[in-house]
């Protein structure tokens, strides 16, 4: 299919809706998981283990689905991801429902929650690589950045709507947001089934050049990326506990306020990416250097704050910082290597967020169990070291 084909307009819109649905589905869980886990008798570290296990699965499985899309076709892999997520989330929510009704003791519930979430993540991992590869197939080289940017923006919009709508739906029950996310991903799957054409397979599949994480050109960025997303994961997994414990909120009220704070954070990041970054003419690592002090201020506010407004403001500042840091990290990785290695470096860079989210939730929840402010001081210190690290690293000119 040529990039000028009229069906491409419908195909692009379908891909964007699928990305938005997955953005909603992934972020709505952060608003409800902490209070929901406590409702069934889990402690902080156990709740963090659920996210860490699924993030590790995403890290390991995503490259496999990307290669599978070369063999089986983008559309088939995308459908597996969307339908698979829907089924997996029903199973995941079903375990929570059984635990809430008293049919499962906490230890059994934890095991089943990890198993169902890992199974869910295994198929959910198919969505991102297949959607991005499909977009690459139907865009020209000149329009490639716009196409990829559109998918990223669609995911961000879903990330904004997820916590906001999820927080409202939590007033019905803490599981309602999960069931609503299933409705959205099923709708996206059905639309993909009927509106997204299968692309012809290339006659020869060019083998991607092998690029190691330890490659001297990108290793500093890999280190920066893992620490960057680890700190962000620490906040996302512990901020609900902070709200609930410091403000004395119920589970439902916690989900609502966390949803609002995550919505503001994602909106701040999207605002920076749409309005600020296009007007800046700075090197990628300069964006990282600018973002670090901003996020360190946010961490300090989370550690020392005791009011709802202080926590929401800190999440907004964190969103502004991540809005600068994320594109800086991805662009820095891209320009560090040759044009023939762009696919390989995209895979390496794309694995840094789930690797950070594998370590962050477990570490953050453990530190929170010791002291409520400790995760944020740890993130503050990590980012300070990372900031000094970026000062010594030289951008590729």
Protein backbone atom coordinates (compact mmCIF):
# COMPACT_ATOMS: atom_id res chain seq x y z
CA UNK A 1 0.00 0.00 0.00
CA UNK A 2 1.45 3.38 -1.02
CA UNK A 3 1.49 6.27 1.43
CA UNK A 4 -0.86 8.23 -0.86
CA UNK A 5 -3.53 5.53 -0.82
CA UNK A 6 -6.92 6.99 0.28
CA UNK A 7 -7.42 4.13 2.76
CA UNK A 8 -4.45 5.50 4.68
CA UNK A 9 -6.57 8.26 6.19
CA UNK A 10 -8.92 5.70 7.75
CA UNK A 11 -5.97 3.49 8.71
CA UNK A 12 -4.22 6.36 10.51
CA UNK A 13 -7.39 7.30 12.40
CA UNK A 14 -7.87 3.69 13.44
CA UNK A 15 -4.29 3.47 14.69
CA UNK A 16 -4.71 6.71 16.64
CA UNK A 17 -7.91 5.48 18.28
CA UNK A 18 -6.20 2.21 19.22
CA UNK A 19 -3.27 4.14 20.74
CA UNK A 20 -5.65 6.40 22.68
CA UNK A 21 -7.60 3.40 23.99
CA UNK A 22 -4.39 1.74 25.21
CA UNK A 23 -3.18 4.99 26.76
CA UNK A 24 -6.46 5.16 28.67
CA UNK A 25 -6.29 1.51 29.70
CA UNK A 26 -2.72 1.70 31.01
CA UNK A 27 -3.10 4.91 33.04
CA UNK A 28 -6.53 4.19 34.52
CA UNK A 29 -4.94 1.35 36.51
CA UNK A 30 -2.55 3.71 38.31
CA UNK A 31 -5.48 5.68 39.73
CA UNK A 32 -7.17 2.65 41.29
CA UNK A 33 -4.55 -0.05 41.92
CA UNK A 34 -3.24 1.28 45.25
CA UNK A 35 -6.62 1.70 47.00
CA UNK A 36 -7.95 -1.44 45.33
CA UNK A 37 -4.95 -3.47 46.52
CA UNK A 38 -5.42 -2.25 50.07
CA UNK A 39 -9.12 -3.14 49.92
CA UNK A 40 -8.22 -6.81 49.35
CA UNK A 41 -5.56 -6.87 52.07
CA UNK A 42 -2.34 -6.33 50.09
CA UNK A 43 0.53 -4.23 51.43
CA UNK A 44 2.46 -1.62 49.46
CA UNK A 45 5.32 -3.83 48.26
CA UNK A 46 2.89 -6.52 47.07
CA UNK A 47 0.94 -3.96 45.05
CA UNK A 48 4.20 -2.69 43.55
CA UNK A 49 5.15 -6.25 42.61
CA UNK A 50 2.08 -6.48 40.33
CA UNK A 51 3.25 -3.51 38.25
CA UNK A 52 6.90 -4.58 38.29
CA UNK A 53 6.04 -8.06 37.01
CA UNK A 54 3.96 -6.71 34.14
CA UNK A 55 6.61 -4.09 33.25
CA UNK A 56 9.32 -6.75 33.13
CA UNK A 57 7.05 -8.76 30.83
CA UNK A 58 6.63 -5.76 28.51
CA UNK A 59 10.40 -5.29 28.46
CA UNK A 60 11.01 -8.91 27.46
CA UNK A 61 8.11 -9.52 25.08
CA UNK A 62 7.72 -6.28 23.07
CA UNK A 63 10.68 -6.97 20.72
CA UNK A 64 9.29 -10.45 20.00
CA UNK A 65 5.94 -9.02 18.91
CA UNK A 66 7.73 -6.47 16.74
CA UNK A 67 9.52 -9.24 14.86
CA UNK A 68 6.31 -11.28 14.70
CA UNK A 69 4.57 -8.40 12.95
CA UNK A 70 7.16 -8.68 10.15
CA UNK A 71 6.18 -12.31 9.63
CA UNK A 72 2.45 -12.46 10.45
CA UNK A 73 1.47 -8.93 9.47
CA UNK A 74 0.90 -5.75 11.47
CA UNK A 75 -2.90 -6.03 11.57
CA UNK A 76 -2.96 -9.55 13.02
CA UNK A 77 -0.53 -8.67 15.78
CA UNK A 78 -2.43 -5.47 16.60
CA UNK A 79 -5.68 -7.45 16.86
CA UNK A 80 -4.02 -10.00 19.14
CA UNK A 81 -2.91 -7.16 21.40
CA UNK A 82 -6.27 -5.38 21.56
CA UNK A 83 -8.47 -8.46 21.98
CA UNK A 84 -5.91 -10.04 24.28
CA UNK A 85 -5.82 -7.00 26.53
CA UNK A 86 -9.61 -7.03 26.79
CA UNK A 87 -9.77 -10.70 27.80
CA UNK A 88 -6.79 -10.37 30.15
CA UNK A 89 -8.25 -7.35 31.94
CA UNK A 90 -11.54 -9.16 32.52
CA UNK A 91 -9.56 -11.98 34.15
CA UNK A 92 -7.50 -9.49 36.19
CA UNK A 93 -10.62 -7.64 37.36
CA UNK A 94 -12.30 -10.98 38.10
CA UNK A 95 -9.56 -11.89 40.57
CA UNK A 96 -10.02 -8.55 42.34
CA UNK A 97 -13.78 -9.10 42.39
CA UNK A 98 -13.40 -12.54 43.96
CA UNK A 99 -11.02 -11.14 46.57
CA UNK A 100 -13.37 -8.26 47.41
CA UNK A 101 -16.19 -10.77 47.94
CA UNK A 102 -14.01 -12.75 50.33
CA UNK A 103 -13.47 -15.81 48.14
CA UNK A 104 -9.67 -15.38 48.06
CA UNK A 105 -7.22 -14.83 50.89
CA UNK A 106 -4.62 -12.06 50.21
CA UNK A 107 -1.75 -14.42 49.37
CA UNK A 108 -3.83 -16.35 46.83
CA UNK A 109 -5.18 -13.10 45.40
CA UNK A 110 -1.64 -11.73 44.99
CA UNK A 111 -0.46 -14.82 43.10
CA UNK A 112 -3.46 -14.80 40.80
CA UNK A 113 -3.22 -11.05 40.24
CA UNK A 114 0.44 -11.34 39.20
CA UNK A 115 -0.30 -14.31 36.92
CA UNK A 116 -3.25 -12.64 35.20
CA UNK A 117 -1.45 -9.29 34.90
CA UNK A 118 1.64 -10.92 33.39
CA UNK A 119 -0.56 -12.83 30.92
CA UNK A 120 -2.33 -9.57 30.13
CA UNK A 121 0.97 -7.74 29.59
CA UNK A 122 2.23 -10.53 27.33
CA UNK A 123 -0.49 -9.89 24.76
CA UNK A 124 -0.84 -6.16 25.46
CA UNK A 125 2.82 -5.78 24.44
CA UNK A 126 1.78 -6.53 20.85
CA UNK A 127 -0.07 -3.23 20.42
CA UNK A 128 2.71 -0.63 20.47
CA UNK A 129 5.26 -2.26 18.09
CA UNK A 130 2.61 -3.32 15.57
CA UNK A 131 0.87 0.08 15.56
CA UNK A 132 4.15 1.96 15.17
CA UNK A 133 5.35 -0.41 12.45
CA UNK A 134 2.03 -0.05 10.60
CA UNK A 135 2.33 3.75 10.76
CA UNK A 136 5.88 3.52 9.43
CA UNK A 137 4.66 1.35 6.54
CA UNK A 138 2.01 3.82 5.38
CA UNK A 139 3.99 7.06 5.72
CA UNK A 140 6.74 8.54 3.62
CA UNK A 141 10.13 9.23 5.14
CA UNK A 142 9.24 12.94 5.24
CA UNK A 143 6.00 12.28 7.14
CA UNK A 144 7.39 9.58 9.42
CA UNK A 145 8.07 11.88 12.37
CA UNK A 146 4.58 13.38 12.14
CA UNK A 147 3.02 9.92 12.02
CA UNK A 148 4.95 8.65 15.02
CA UNK A 149 4.30 11.91 16.84
CA UNK A 150 0.58 11.54 16.20
CA UNK A 151 0.55 8.08 17.78
CA UNK A 152 2.43 9.44 20.77
CA UNK A 153 0.01 12.36 21.12
CA UNK A 154 -2.98 9.99 20.87
CA UNK A 155 -1.52 7.87 23.64
CA UNK A 156 -0.98 11.00 25.74
CA UNK A 157 -4.59 12.07 25.22
CA UNK A 158 -5.71 8.64 26.39
CA UNK A 159 -3.37 9.03 29.36
CA UNK A 160 -5.08 12.30 30.26
CA UNK A 161 -8.60 10.91 29.92
CA UNK A 162 -7.80 7.63 31.71
CA UNK A 163 -7.20 8.98 35.23
CA UNK A 164 -9.87 11.69 34.85
CA UNK A 165 -12.68 9.40 33.69
CA UNK A 166 -11.40 6.55 35.85
CA UNK A 167 -11.57 8.74 38.94
CA UNK A 168 -15.20 9.61 38.18
CA UNK A 169 -16.16 6.00 37.46
CA UNK A 170 -14.53 4.90 40.73
CA UNK A 171 -17.45 6.53 42.54
CA UNK A 172 -19.55 3.61 41.24
CA UNK A 173 -16.97 1.03 42.29
CA UNK A 174 -13.19 0.72 42.18
CA UNK A 175 -13.47 -1.95 39.45
CA UNK A 176 -15.73 0.08 37.14
CA UNK A 177 -12.80 1.93 35.49
CA UNK A 178 -11.21 -1.42 34.53
CA UNK A 179 -14.41 -2.69 32.94
CA UNK A 180 -14.79 0.60 31.05
CA UNK A 181 -11.24 0.23 29.70
CA UNK A 182 -12.24 -3.21 28.40
CA UNK A 183 -15.17 -1.61 26.57
CA UNK A 184 -12.84 0.92 24.92
CA UNK A 185 -10.22 -1.60 23.84
CA UNK A 186 -12.88 -3.97 22.52
CA UNK A 187 -14.35 -1.09 20.50
CA UNK A 188 -10.88 -0.30 19.14
CA UNK A 189 -10.35 -3.99 18.32
CA UNK A 190 -13.64 -4.23 16.41
CA UNK A 191 -12.83 -1.03 14.52
CA UNK A 192 -9.39 -2.42 13.66
CA UNK A 193 -10.95 -5.67 12.48
CA UNK A 194 -13.27 -3.95 10.02
CA UNK A 195 -11.51 -0.69 9.14
CA UNK A 196 -7.79 -1.47 9.08
CA UNK A 197 -6.63 -3.19 5.87
CA UNK A 198 -3.93 -5.83 5.93
CA UNK A 199 -0.73 -4.57 4.35
CA UNK A 200 1.16 -6.64 1.79
CA UNK A 201 4.24 -8.26 3.27
CA UNK A 202 7.59 -7.02 1.92
CA UNK A 203 9.32 -9.38 -0.47
CA UNK A 204 12.51 -9.25 1.56
CA UNK A 205 12.62 -8.41 5.25
CA UNK A 206 15.78 -6.46 5.94
CA UNK A 207 17.49 -7.65 9.08
CA UNK A 208 17.88 -4.92 11.67
CA UNK A 209 21.47 -4.20 12.66
CA UNK A 210 22.35 -5.51 16.08
CA UNK A 211 22.82 -2.79 18.64
CA UNK A 212 23.94 -3.53 22.19
CA UNK A 213 22.86 -1.63 25.28
CA UNK A 214 26.55 -1.20 26.09
CA UNK A 215 27.36 0.48 22.76
CA UNK A 216 29.50 3.49 23.73
CA UNK A 217 27.36 5.84 21.61
CA UNK A 218 24.12 5.15 23.48
CA UNK A 219 25.15 3.66 26.83
CA UNK A 220 24.98 7.02 28.67
CA UNK A 221 21.47 7.50 27.28
CA UNK A 222 20.43 3.99 28.33
CA UNK A 223 21.59 4.73 31.88
CA UNK A 224 19.79 8.10 31.83
CA UNK A 225 16.62 6.56 30.42
CA UNK A 226 16.38 3.75 32.96
CA UNK A 227 16.95 6.10 35.91
CA UNK A 228 14.60 8.68 34.41
CA UNK A 229 11.68 6.28 34.16
CA UNK A 230 12.54 4.52 37.41
CA UNK A 231 12.06 7.79 39.29
CA UNK A 232 8.82 8.47 37.45
CA UNK A 233 7.59 4.95 38.25
CA UNK A 234 8.38 5.44 41.94
CA UNK A 235 6.04 8.43 41.99
CA UNK A 236 3.26 6.84 39.97
CA UNK A 237 3.16 3.79 42.18
CA UNK A 238 3.37 5.55 45.56
CA UNK A 239 1.52 8.85 45.12
CA UNK A 240 -1.85 7.18 45.79
CA UNK A 241 -0.55 5.90 49.14
CA UNK A 242 0.71 9.41 49.90
CA UNK A 243 -2.68 10.96 49.17
CA UNK A 244 -4.58 8.34 51.16
CA UNK A 245 -2.34 8.30 54.22
CA UNK A 246 -1.57 12.01 54.53
CA UNK A 247 -5.13 13.21 53.79
CA UNK A 248 -7.00 10.32 55.46
CA UNK A 249 -9.03 9.44 52.36
CA UNK A 250 -11.20 6.43 51.58
CA UNK A 251 -10.31 4.15 48.69
CA UNK A 252 -12.85 5.73 46.34
CA UNK A 253 -11.85 9.29 47.29
CA UNK A 254 -8.20 8.36 46.79
CA UNK A 255 -8.92 7.07 43.29
CA UNK A 256 -10.71 10.31 42.43
CA UNK A 257 -7.98 12.68 43.60
CA UNK A 258 -5.17 10.54 42.18
CA UNK A 259 -7.03 10.47 38.88
CA UNK A 260 -7.19 14.26 38.86
CA UNK A 261 -3.49 14.62 39.71
CA UNK A 262 -2.44 12.14 37.00
CA UNK A 263 -4.66 13.95 34.51
CA UNK A 264 -2.99 17.28 35.29
CA UNK A 265 0.45 15.68 35.08
CA UNK A 266 -0.24 14.12 31.67
CA UNK A 267 -1.83 17.37 30.43
CA UNK A 268 1.27 19.33 31.49
CA UNK A 269 3.51 16.89 29.61
CA UNK A 270 1.34 17.10 26.49
CA UNK A 271 1.30 20.91 26.70
CA UNK A 272 5.09 21.02 26.76
CA UNK A 273 5.39 18.59 23.86
CA UNK A 274 2.89 20.45 21.68
CA UNK A 275 3.71 24.07 22.46
CA UNK A 276 7.18 24.36 23.98
CA UNK A 277 9.47 21.77 22.38
CA UNK A 278 8.63 22.74 18.75
CA UNK A 279 9.80 26.28 19.59
CA UNK A 280 13.06 25.22 21.23
CA UNK A 281 16.28 24.81 19.28
CA UNK A 282 18.43 22.94 21.78
CA UNK A 283 20.31 19.67 21.78
CA UNK A 284 18.56 16.60 23.26
CA UNK A 285 20.72 16.42 26.38
CA UNK A 286 19.99 20.08 27.07
CA UNK A 287 16.33 19.10 27.43
CA UNK A 288 17.36 16.48 29.98
CA UNK A 289 19.46 19.02 31.86
CA UNK A 290 16.57 21.49 31.97
CA UNK A 291 14.08 18.85 33.10
CA UNK A 292 16.08 17.39 36.00
CA UNK A 293 15.93 20.41 38.37
CA UNK A 294 12.21 20.78 37.65
CA UNK A 295 11.50 17.20 38.63
CA UNK A 296 13.78 17.43 41.67
CA UNK A 297 11.62 20.33 42.89
CA UNK A 298 8.53 18.14 42.37
CA UNK A 299 10.06 15.29 44.40
CA UNK A 300 10.98 17.65 47.25
CA UNK A 301 7.41 19.00 47.31
CA UNK A 302 6.02 15.46 47.49
CA UNK A 303 8.36 14.59 50.35
CA UNK A 304 7.67 17.73 52.41
CA UNK A 305 4.07 18.48 51.44
CA UNK A 306 1.03 17.61 53.54
CA UNK A 307 -1.81 19.18 51.54
CA UNK A 308 -3.82 18.10 48.52
CA UNK A 309 -2.95 21.24 46.53
CA UNK A 310 0.77 20.75 47.20
CA UNK A 311 0.66 17.19 45.86
CA UNK A 312 -1.34 18.17 42.76
CA UNK A 313 1.05 21.06 42.04
CA UNK A 314 4.04 18.74 42.39
CA UNK A 315 2.47 16.30 39.90
CA UNK A 316 1.99 19.18 37.43
CA UNK A 317 5.65 20.16 37.76
CA UNK A 318 6.67 16.53 37.33
CA UNK A 319 4.57 16.37 34.15
CA UNK A 320 6.28 19.47 32.76
CA UNK A 321 9.67 17.91 33.45
CA UNK A 322 8.77 14.57 31.86
CA UNK A 323 7.36 16.42 28.85
CA UNK A 324 10.85 17.81 28.25
CA UNK A 325 12.86 14.75 29.30
CA UNK A 326 11.01 12.11 27.25
CA UNK A 327 11.56 13.66 23.79
CA UNK A 328 15.11 14.63 24.79
CA UNK A 329 15.88 11.03 25.64
CA UNK A 330 14.36 9.59 22.44
CA UNK A 331 15.89 12.22 20.15
CA UNK A 332 19.28 11.84 21.80
CA UNK A 333 19.25 8.11 21.14
CA UNK A 334 18.20 8.64 17.53
CA UNK A 335 20.93 11.11 16.59
CA UNK A 336 23.61 9.09 18.36
CA UNK A 337 23.59 6.36 15.69
CA UNK A 338 23.53 6.08 11.90
CA UNK A 339 20.41 6.09 9.72
CA UNK A 340 20.76 2.33 9.18
CA UNK A 341 20.48 1.73 12.94
CA UNK A 342 17.30 3.70 13.62
CA UNK A 343 15.11 0.62 14.03
CA UNK A 344 17.62 -0.99 16.36
CA UNK A 345 18.07 2.09 18.52
CA UNK A 346 14.30 2.56 18.71
CA UNK A 347 14.05 -0.93 20.18
CA UNK A 348 16.79 -0.24 22.72
CA UNK A 349 15.36 3.14 23.73
CA UNK A 350 11.83 1.73 23.88
CA UNK A 351 12.92 -0.90 26.38
CA UNK A 352 14.18 1.66 28.91
CA UNK A 353 10.74 2.77 30.20
CA UNK A 354 9.49 -0.76 31.04
CA UNK A 355 12.86 -1.57 32.60
CA UNK A 356 12.56 1.53 34.79
CA UNK A 357 8.99 0.53 35.63
CA UNK A 358 10.22 -2.93 36.60
CA UNK A 359 12.52 -1.56 39.30
CA UNK A 360 10.65 1.60 40.33
CA UNK A 361 7.39 0.21 41.76
CA UNK A 362 9.10 -2.44 43.91
CA UNK A 363 11.75 -0.04 45.17
CA UNK A 364 9.28 2.79 45.71
CA UNK A 365 6.75 0.72 47.65
CA UNK A 366 9.48 -0.79 49.82
CA UNK A 367 10.85 2.65 50.66
CA UNK A 368 7.32 3.90 51.34
CA UNK A 369 6.75 1.07 53.82
CA UNK A 370 9.81 2.36 55.72
CA UNK A 371 8.86 6.06 55.59
CA UNK A 372 6.26 7.90 53.53
CA UNK A 373 8.69 10.59 52.34
CA UNK A 374 11.61 8.27 51.60
CA UNK A 375 10.68 7.31 47.99
CA UNK A 376 10.67 10.96 46.95
CA UNK A 377 13.97 11.81 48.64
CA UNK A 378 15.47 8.74 46.96
CA UNK A 379 14.15 9.93 43.58
CA UNK A 380 15.47 13.44 44.33
CA UNK A 381 18.95 12.06 45.03
CA UNK A 382 18.89 9.80 41.95
CA UNK A 383 17.94 12.68 39.70
CA UNK A 384 20.61 14.92 41.24
CA UNK A 385 23.24 12.30 40.37
CA UNK A 386 21.66 11.93 36.92
CA UNK A 387 21.80 15.70 36.43
CA UNK A 388 25.53 15.72 37.18
CA UNK A 389 25.91 12.78 34.80
CA UNK A 390 24.22 14.68 31.95
CA UNK A 391 26.53 17.66 32.49
CA UNK A 392 29.54 15.48 31.69
CA UNK A 393 28.02 13.80 28.65
CA UNK A 394 28.62 15.44 25.26
CA UNK A 395 25.86 15.56 22.69
CA UNK A 396 26.63 14.30 19.22
CA UNK A 397 26.92 17.33 16.97
